[in-house]
PDB file of N, CA and C in Angstrom:
ATOM      1  N   MET A   1      -2.672 -47.335  30.164  1.00  0.00           N
ATOM      2  CA  MET A   1      -1.767 -46.691  29.444  1.00  0.00           C
ATOM      3  C   MET A   1      -2.977 -45.452  29.966  1.00  0.00           C
ATOM      4  N   GLN A   2      -2.791 -44.401  29.356  1.00  0.00           N
ATOM      5  CA  GLN A   2      -4.166 -43.186  28.489  1.00  0.00           C
ATOM      6  C   GLN A   2      -3.948 -43.071  27.197  1.00  0.00           C
ATOM      7  N   GLU A   3      -6.116 -43.704  26.783  1.00  0.00           N
ATOM      8  CA  GLU A   3      -5.490 -42.991  25.239  1.00  0.00           C
ATOM      9  C   GLU A   3      -6.064 -42.000  24.638  1.00  0.00           C
ATOM     10  N   SER A   4      -4.919 -41.655  23.694  1.00  0.00           N
ATOM     11  CA  SER A   4      -5.104 -40.370  22.780  1.00  0.00           C
ATOM     12  C   SER A   4      -6.486 -40.190  23.122  1.00  0.00           C
ATOM     13  N   VAL A   5      -7.160 -38.804  22.707  1.00  0.00           N
ATOM     14  CA  VAL A   5      -8.883 -38.428  22.431  1.00  0.00           C
ATOM     15  C   VAL A   5      -8.061 -37.516  21.481  1.00  0.00           C
ATOM     16  N   SER A   6      -9.380 -38.060  20.053  1.00  0.00           N
ATOM     17  CA  SER A   6      -9.151 -36.164  19.151  1.00  0.00           C
ATOM     18  C   SER A   6     -10.026 -35.822  19.277  1.00  0.00           C
ATOM     19  N   MET A   7      -9.279 -34.793  19.196  1.00  0.00           N
ATOM     20  CA  MET A   7      -9.001 -33.085  19.515  1.00  0.00           C
ATOM     21  C   MET A   7      -9.445 -32.666  18.863  1.00  0.00           C
ATOM     22  N   PRO A   8     -11.121 -31.562  18.141  1.00  0.00           N
ATOM     23  CA  PRO A   8     -11.310 -30.989  16.837  1.00  0.00           C
ATOM     24  C   PRO A   8     -10.089 -29.783  17.042  1.00  0.00           C
ATOM     25  N   MET A   9     -10.347 -29.768  15.435  1.00  0.00           N
ATOM     26  CA  MET A   9      -9.525 -28.957  14.558  1.00  0.00           C
ATOM     27  C   MET A   9      -9.495 -27.230  15.080  1.00  0.00           C
ATOM     28  N   CYS A  10      -8.713 -26.130  15.390  1.00  0.00           N
ATOM     29  CA  CYS A  10      -9.666 -25.338  15.383  1.00  0.00           C
ATOM     30  C   CYS A  10     -10.050 -25.173  13.288  1.00  0.00           C
ATOM     31  N   PRO A  11     -11.095 -24.211  13.460  1.00  0.00           N
ATOM     32  CA  PRO A  11     -11.638 -23.528  11.998  1.00  0.00           C
ATOM     33  C   PRO A  11     -10.239 -22.807  11.388  1.00  0.00           C
ATOM     34  N   MET A  12     -10.011 -22.014  12.192  1.00  0.00           N
ATOM     35  CA  MET A  12      -8.696 -21.533  11.171  1.00  0.00           C
ATOM     36  C   MET A  12      -7.393 -22.172  11.385  1.00  0.00           C
ATOM     37  N   ALA A  13      -7.146 -23.463  11.426  1.00  0.00           N
ATOM     38  CA  ALA A  13      -6.193 -24.203  11.260  1.00  0.00           C
ATOM     39  C   ALA A  13      -6.214 -24.287   9.875  1.00  0.00           C
ATOM     40  N   ALA A  14      -7.567 -24.597   9.632  1.00  0.00           N
ATOM     41  CA  ALA A  14      -7.544 -25.032   8.235  1.00  0.00           C
ATOM     42  C   ALA A  14      -7.483 -24.656   7.780  1.00  0.00           C
ATOM     43  N   THR A  15      -7.627 -22.870   6.945  1.00  0.00           N
ATOM     44  CA  THR A  15      -7.433 -22.064   6.236  1.00  0.00           C
ATOM     45  C   THR A  15      -5.952 -21.744   6.332  1.00  0.00           C
ATOM     46  N   CYS A  16      -5.302 -21.816   7.372  1.00  0.00           N
ATOM     47  CA  CYS A  16      -4.220 -21.230   7.737  1.00  0.00           C
ATOM     48  C   CYS A  16      -3.415 -22.476   6.924  1.00  0.00           C
ATOM     49  N   LYS A  17      -3.280 -23.731   7.376  1.00  0.00           N
ATOM     50  CA  LYS A  17      -3.092 -24.142   6.566  1.00  0.00           C
ATOM     51  C   LYS A  17      -2.926 -24.479   4.839  1.00  0.00           C
ATOM     52  N   GLY A  18      -4.069 -24.525   4.301  1.00  0.00           N
ATOM     53  CA  GLY A  18      -4.274 -23.979   2.860  1.00  0.00           C
ATOM     54  C   GLY A  18      -2.987 -22.527   2.183  1.00  0.00           C
ATOM     55  N   MET A  19      -2.869 -21.495   2.902  1.00  0.00           N
ATOM     56  CA  MET A  19      -2.769 -20.459   3.173  1.00  0.00           C
ATOM     57  C   MET A  19      -1.205 -20.996   2.238  1.00  0.00           C
ATOM     58  N   THR A  20      -0.835 -20.929   3.859  1.00  0.00           N
ATOM     59  CA  THR A  20       0.924 -22.057   3.256  1.00  0.00           C
ATOM     60  C   THR A  20       1.366 -23.049   2.703  1.00  0.00           C
ATOM     61  N   ASP A  21       0.008 -23.787   1.960  1.00  0.00           N
ATOM     62  CA  ASP A  21       0.973 -24.707   0.921  1.00  0.00           C
ATOM     63  C   ASP A  21       0.012 -23.894  -0.292  1.00  0.00           C
ATOM     64  N   LYS A  22       0.189 -22.403  -0.329  1.00  0.00           N
ATOM     65  CA  LYS A  22       0.402 -22.454  -1.925  1.00  0.00           C
ATOM     66  C   LYS A  22       0.804 -21.599  -1.838  1.00  0.00           C
ATOM     67  N   PRO A  23       1.902 -21.701  -2.578  1.00  0.00           N
ATOM     68  CA  PRO A  23       3.248 -21.204  -2.938  1.00  0.00           C
ATOM     69  C   PRO A  23       3.776 -19.794  -4.047  1.00  0.00           C
ATOM     70  N   ARG A  24       2.739 -19.853  -4.481  1.00  0.00           N
ATOM     71  CA  ARG A  24       1.627 -18.700  -5.442  1.00  0.00           C
ATOM     72  C   ARG A  24       1.354 -17.477  -5.196  1.00  0.00           C
ATOM     73  N   SER A  25       1.490 -17.249  -3.146  1.00  0.00           N
ATOM     74  CA  SER A  25       0.657 -16.355  -2.952  1.00  0.00           C
ATOM     75  C   SER A  25       1.830 -15.715  -2.481  1.00  0.00           C
ATOM     76  N   GLY A  26       2.577 -15.214  -1.967  1.00  0.00           N
ATOM     77  CA  GLY A  26       3.900 -14.053  -1.804  1.00  0.00           C
ATOM     78  C   GLY A  26       3.555 -13.851  -3.568  1.00  0.00           C
ATOM     79  N   PHE A  27       3.745 -14.130  -4.429  1.00  0.00           N
ATOM     80  CA  PHE A  27       3.824 -13.763  -6.130  1.00  0.00           C
ATOM     81  C   PHE A  27       2.652 -12.109  -5.825  1.00  0.00           C
ATOM     82  N   ALA A  28       1.864 -12.551  -5.078  1.00  0.00           N
ATOM     83  CA  ALA A  28      -0.090 -12.326  -5.168  1.00  0.00           C
ATOM     84  C   ALA A  28       0.529 -10.285  -4.678  1.00  0.00           C
ATOM     85  N   LEU A  29       1.373 -10.431  -3.545  1.00  0.00           N
ATOM     86  CA  LEU A  29       1.348  -9.705  -2.738  1.00  0.00           C
ATOM     87  C   LEU A  29       3.052  -8.971  -2.898  1.00  0.00           C
ATOM     88  N   MET A  30       3.521  -9.709  -3.879  1.00  0.00           N
ATOM     89  CA  MET A  30       4.915  -8.807  -4.271  1.00  0.00           C
ATOM     90  C   MET A  30       4.140  -7.363  -6.241  1.00  0.00           C
ATOM     91  N   VAL A  31       3.217  -8.012  -6.637  1.00  0.00           N
ATOM     92  CA  VAL A  31       2.711  -7.521  -7.522  1.00  0.00           C
ATOM     93  C   VAL A  31       2.833  -6.164  -7.287  1.00  0.00           C
ATOM     94  N   PRO A  32       1.701  -5.319  -5.834  1.00  0.00           N
ATOM     95  CA  PRO A  32       1.213  -4.891  -5.646  1.00  0.00           C
ATOM     96  C   PRO A  32       2.509  -3.132  -5.334  1.00  0.00           C
ATOM     97  N   GLY A  33       3.587  -4.480  -4.854  1.00  0.00           N
ATOM     98  CA  GLY A  33       4.817  -3.219  -4.957  1.00  0.00           C
ATOM     99  C   GLY A  33       5.251  -3.343  -6.161  1.00  0.00           C
ATOM    100  N   ILE A  34       5.348  -3.662  -6.811  1.00  0.00           N
ATOM    101  CA  ILE A  34       6.301  -3.568  -8.165  1.00  0.00           C
ATOM    102  C   ILE A  34       5.480  -2.585  -8.901  1.00  0.00           C
ATOM    103  N   VAL A  35       3.813  -2.765  -8.946  1.00  0.00           N
ATOM    104  CA  VAL A  35       3.477  -1.598  -9.357  1.00  0.00           C
ATOM    105  C   VAL A  35       4.130  -0.081  -8.492  1.00  0.00           C
ATOM    106  N   PHE A  36       3.717  -0.341  -7.431  1.00  0.00           N
ATOM    107  CA  PHE A  36       3.710   1.352  -6.969  1.00  0.00           C
ATOM    108  C   PHE A  36       5.028   2.005  -7.599  1.00  0.00           C
ATOM    109  N   ILE A  37       6.131   0.644  -7.220  1.00  0.00           N
ATOM    110  CA  ILE A  37       7.628   1.017  -7.479  1.00  0.00           C
ATOM    111  C   ILE A  37       7.746   2.157  -9.066  1.00  0.00           C
ATOM    112  N   LEU A  38       6.949   1.404  -9.798  1.00  0.00           N
ATOM    113  CA  LEU A  38       7.087   1.611 -11.212  1.00  0.00           C
ATOM    114  C   LEU A  38       6.256   2.999 -11.147  1.00  0.00           C
ATOM    115  N   LEU A  39       4.861   3.548 -10.928  1.00  0.00           N
ATOM    116  CA  LEU A  39       4.352   4.271 -10.683  1.00  0.00           C
ATOM    117  C   LEU A  39       4.910   5.571  -9.781  1.00  0.00           C
ATOM    118  N   GLY A  40       5.873   4.938  -8.460  1.00  0.00           N
ATOM    119  CA  GLY A  40       6.879   6.097  -8.218  1.00  0.00           C
ATOM    120  C   GLY A  40       7.915   6.825  -9.585  1.00  0.00           C
ATOM    121  N   VAL A  41       8.388   6.083 -10.447  1.00  0.00           N
ATOM    122  CA  VAL A  41       9.668   5.997 -11.544  1.00  0.00           C
ATOM    123  C   VAL A  41       8.854   6.911 -12.429  1.00  0.00           C
ATOM    124  N   ALA A  42       7.462   6.791 -12.581  1.00  0.00           N
ATOM    125  CA  ALA A  42       7.062   6.923 -13.491  1.00  0.00           C
ATOM    126  C   ALA A  42       6.717   8.701 -13.163  1.00  0.00           C
ATOM    127  N   VAL A  43       6.520   9.560 -11.916  1.00  0.00           N
ATOM    128  CA  VAL A  43       6.363  10.310 -11.044  1.00  0.00           C
ATOM    129  C   VAL A  43       8.253  11.090 -11.148  1.00  0.00           C
ATOM    130  N   VAL A  44       9.128  10.636 -11.485  1.00  0.00           N
ATOM    131  CA  VAL A  44      10.377  11.701 -10.727  1.00  0.00           C
ATOM    132  C   VAL A  44      10.672  11.876 -12.043  1.00  0.00           C
ATOM    133  N   ILE A  45       9.531  10.636 -13.493  1.00  0.00           N
ATOM    134  CA  ILE A  45      10.157  11.447 -14.767  1.00  0.00           C
ATOM    135  C   ILE A  45       9.103  12.372 -15.595  1.00  0.00           C
ATOM    136  N   GLU A  46       8.251  11.797 -14.919  1.00  0.00           N
ATOM    137  CA  GLU A  46       7.390  13.268 -15.354  1.00  0.00           C
ATOM    138  C   GLU A  46       6.206  13.791 -14.325  1.00  0.00           C
ATOM    139  N   PRO A  47       6.527  14.540 -13.206  1.00  0.00           N
ATOM    140  CA  PRO A  47       6.238  14.685 -12.833  1.00  0.00           C
ATOM    141  C   PRO A  47       5.038  14.716 -12.751  1.00  0.00           C
ATOM    142  N   ARG A  48       3.821  16.047 -13.886  1.00  0.00           N
ATOM    143  CA  ARG A  48       2.287  15.791 -14.273  1.00  0.00           C
ATOM    144  C   ARG A  48       2.056  14.017 -14.361  1.00  0.00           C
ATOM    145  N   ILE A  49       2.537  13.246 -14.026  1.00  0.00           N
ATOM    146  CA  ILE A  49       2.088  11.873 -13.391  1.00  0.00           C
ATOM    147  C   ILE A  49       0.991  11.796 -12.475  1.00  0.00           C
ATOM    148  N   LEU A  50       1.370  12.697 -11.696  1.00  0.00           N
ATOM    149  CA  LEU A  50       1.035  12.786 -10.099  1.00  0.00           C
ATOM    150  C   LEU A  50      -0.363  12.999  -9.255  1.00  0.00           C
ATOM    151  N   LEU A  51      -0.307  14.717 -11.006  1.00  0.00           N
ATOM    152  CA  LEU A  51      -2.187  15.117 -10.821  1.00  0.00           C
ATOM    153  C   LEU A  51      -2.862  14.262 -11.125  1.00  0.00           C
ATOM    154  N   TRP A  52      -2.802  13.851 -12.783  1.00  0.00           N
ATOM    155  CA  TRP A  52      -3.427  12.376 -13.438  1.00  0.00           C
ATOM    156  C   TRP A  52      -3.973  10.648 -12.171  1.00  0.00           C
ATOM    157  N   LEU A  53      -2.411  10.953 -10.826  1.00  0.00           N
ATOM    158  CA  LEU A  53      -3.527   9.700 -10.099  1.00  0.00           C
ATOM    159  C   LEU A  53      -4.039  10.657  -9.280  1.00  0.00           C
ATOM    160  N   VAL A  54      -3.492  11.275  -8.965  1.00  0.00           N
ATOM    161  CA  VAL A  54      -4.697  12.189  -7.970  1.00  0.00           C
ATOM    162  C   VAL A  54      -6.345  12.050  -8.260  1.00  0.00           C
ATOM    163  N   ALA A  55      -5.955  12.344  -8.981  1.00  0.00           N
ATOM    164  CA  ALA A  55      -7.416  12.609 -10.086  1.00  0.00           C
ATOM    165  C   ALA A  55      -8.811  11.573  -9.905  1.00  0.00           C
ATOM    166  N   MET A  56      -7.402  10.414 -10.748  1.00  0.00           N
ATOM    167  CA  MET A  56      -8.220   9.100 -11.073  1.00  0.00           C
ATOM    168  C   MET A  56      -8.214   8.670  -9.241  1.00  0.00           C
ATOM    169  N   ALA A  57      -7.206   9.059  -8.220  1.00  0.00           N
ATOM    170  CA  ALA A  57      -7.639   7.746  -7.540  1.00  0.00           C
ATOM    171  C   ALA A  57      -8.805   9.066  -6.195  1.00  0.00           C
ATOM    172  N   LEU A  58      -9.220   9.803  -6.224  1.00  0.00           N
ATOM    173  CA  LEU A  58     -10.644  10.824  -6.128  1.00  0.00           C
ATOM    174  C   LEU A  58     -11.978  10.915  -7.070  1.00  0.00           C
ATOM    175  N   ILE A  59     -11.593  10.104  -8.211  1.00  0.00           N
ATOM    176  CA  ILE A  59     -12.754   9.687  -8.901  1.00  0.00           C
ATOM    177  C   ILE A  59     -13.227   8.172  -8.336  1.00  0.00           C
ATOM    178  N   VAL A  60     -12.361   7.936  -8.403  1.00  0.00           N
ATOM    179  CA  VAL A  60     -12.670   5.803  -8.348  1.00  0.00           C
ATOM    180  C   VAL A  60     -12.975   5.956  -6.782  1.00  0.00           C
ATOM    181  N   MET A  61     -12.608   6.975  -6.129  1.00  0.00           N
ATOM    182  CA  MET A  61     -12.822   7.237  -4.542  1.00  0.00           C
ATOM    183  C   MET A  61     -14.879   7.130  -4.677  1.00  0.00           C
ATOM    184  N   GLY A  62     -15.033   9.026  -5.705  1.00  0.00           N
ATOM    185  CA  GLY A  62     -16.215   9.181  -5.554  1.00  0.00           C
ATOM    186  C   GLY A  62     -17.602   8.233  -5.800  1.00  0.00           C
ATOM    187  N   ILE A  63     -16.736   7.376  -6.874  1.00  0.00           N
ATOM    188  CA  ILE A  63     -17.680   6.550  -7.826  1.00  0.00           C
ATOM    189  C   ILE A  63     -18.064   5.739  -6.145  1.00  0.00           C
ATOM    190  N   ALA A  64     -17.641   5.160  -5.056  1.00  0.00           N
ATOM    191  CA  ALA A  64     -16.991   4.370  -4.494  1.00  0.00           C
ATOM    192  C   ALA A  64     -17.844   3.993  -3.777  1.00  0.00           C
ATOM    193  N   MET A  65     -18.167   5.012  -3.166  1.00  0.00           N
ATOM    194  CA  MET A  65     -19.500   6.347  -1.516  1.00  0.00           C
ATOM    195  C   MET A  65     -20.228   6.179  -2.689  1.00  0.00           C
ATOM    196  N   LEU A  66     -20.204   6.905  -3.708  1.00  0.00           N
ATOM    197  CA  LEU A  66     -22.148   6.724  -4.645  1.00  0.00           C
ATOM    198  C   LEU A  66     -22.575   5.311  -4.617  1.00  0.00           C
ATOM    199  N   MET A  67     -21.654   4.047  -4.660  1.00  0.00           N
ATOM    200  CA  MET A  67     -22.035   3.521  -4.683  1.00  0.00           C
ATOM    201  C   MET A  67     -23.053   3.264  -4.224  1.00  0.00           C
ATOM    202  N   LEU A  68     -21.529   2.498  -2.500  1.00  0.00           N
ATOM    203  CA  LEU A  68     -21.836   2.130  -1.455  1.00  0.00           C
ATOM    204  C   LEU A  68     -22.885   3.285  -0.925  1.00  0.00           C
ATOM    205  N   ALA A  69     -23.029   4.470  -1.335  1.00  0.00           N
ATOM    206  CA  ALA A  69     -24.696   5.521  -0.953  1.00  0.00           C
ATOM    207  C   ALA A  69     -25.653   4.576  -1.058  1.00  0.00           C
ATOM    208  N   ASN A  70     -25.571   3.904  -2.168  1.00  0.00           N
ATOM    209  CA  ASN A  70     -27.433   3.483  -2.799  1.00  0.00           C
ATOM    210  C   ASN A  70     -27.047   2.325  -2.389  1.00  0.00           C
ATOM    211  N   PHE A  71     -26.382   1.517  -2.375  1.00  0.00           N
ATOM    212  CA  PHE A  71     -26.863  -0.235  -1.030  1.00  0.00           C
ATOM    213  C   PHE A  71     -26.878   0.532   0.554  1.00  0.00           C
ATOM    214  N   MET A  72     -26.366   1.728   0.718  1.00  0.00           N
ATOM    215  CA  MET A  72     -27.654   1.486   2.258  1.00  0.00           C
ATOM    216  C   MET A  72     -28.362   2.405   1.570  1.00  0.00           C
ATOM    217  N   ARG A  73     -28.779   2.800   1.528  1.00  0.00           N
ATOM    218  CA  ARG A  73     -29.979   3.543   0.961  1.00  0.00           C
ATOM    219  C   ARG A  73     -31.433   2.168   0.547  1.00  0.00           C
ATOM    220  N   LYS A  74     -31.427   0.796   0.194  1.00  0.00           N
ATOM    221  CA  LYS A  74     -31.805   0.102  -0.223  1.00  0.00           C
ATOM    222  C   LYS A  74     -31.736  -1.250   0.954  1.00  0.00           C
ATOM    223  N   PHE A  75     -30.115  -1.018   1.266  1.00  0.00           N
ATOM    224  CA  PHE A  75     -30.520  -1.545   2.351  1.00  0.00           C
ATOM    225  C   PHE A  75     -31.424  -1.117   3.641  1.00  0.00           C
ATOM    226  N   GLY A  76     -31.049  -0.171   3.820  1.00  0.00           N
ATOM    227  CA  GLY A  76     -32.573   0.541   4.577  1.00  0.00           C
ATOM    228  C   GLY A  76     -34.177   0.412   3.938  1.00  0.00           C
ATOM    229  N   GLN A  77     -34.358   0.655   3.350  1.00  0.00           N
ATOM    230  CA  GLN A  77     -35.314   0.600   2.786  1.00  0.00           C
ATOM    231  C   GLN A  77     -35.955  -0.809   2.650  1.00  0.00           C
ATOM    232  N   ARG A  78     -34.895  -1.948   2.554  1.00  0.00           N
ATOM    233  CA  ARG A  78     -35.866  -3.039   2.462  1.00  0.00           C
ATOM    234  C   ARG A  78     -35.720  -3.521   4.043  1.00  0.00           C
ATOM    235  N   PHE A  79     -35.295  -2.831   5.058  1.00  0.00           N
ATOM    236  CA  PHE A  79     -35.297  -3.564   6.881  1.00  0.00           C
ATOM    237  C   PHE A  79     -36.586  -2.634   7.593  1.00  0.00           C
ATOM    238  N   GLN A  80     -36.717  -1.423   6.810  1.00  0.00           N
ATOM    239  CA  GLN A  80     -37.856  -1.250   6.318  1.00  0.00           C
ATOM    240  C   GLN A  80     -39.445  -1.368   6.405  1.00  0.00           C
ATOM    241  N   ASP A  81     -39.463  -2.225   5.397  1.00  0.00           N
ATOM    242  CA  ASP A  81     -40.592  -2.850   5.123  1.00  0.00           C
ATOM    243  C   ASP A  81     -40.390  -3.980   5.767  1.00  0.00           C
ATOM    244  N   ARG A  82     -39.608  -4.862   5.769  1.00  0.00           N
ATOM    245  CA  ARG A  82     -39.408  -6.321   6.605  1.00  0.00           C
ATOM    246  C   ARG A  82     -39.652  -6.057   8.030  1.00  0.00           C
ATOM    247  N   HIS A  83     -40.127  -4.497   8.610  1.00  0.00           N
ATOM    248  CA  HIS A  83     -40.246  -4.052  10.082  1.00  0.00           C
ATOM    249  C   HIS A  83     -41.696  -3.508  10.483  1.00  0.00           C
ATOM    250  N   ALA A  84     -42.240  -3.062   9.227  1.00  0.00           N
ATOM    251  CA  ALA A  84     -43.292  -2.276   9.493  1.00  0.00           C
ATOM    252  C   ALA A  84     -44.648  -3.109   9.938  1.00  0.00           C
TER     253      ALA A  84
END
């Protein structure tokens, strides 16, 4: 008779098991959908809101790009200082 040898568990198996054990994860995915539906209804009722939403999205993306550029500049300087 053969003895069964325990095999090491895949590292992702523990992560996937943890994700399936959490019942609230589905609700977290539903919240953005509900927000988008409400924003769509608001745009149908008052179309000028769409202009504000686009303007805010552009402002947020611009700020994010400036922050990313600043991070990359500092990272590049640190990298050059170590290898100089």
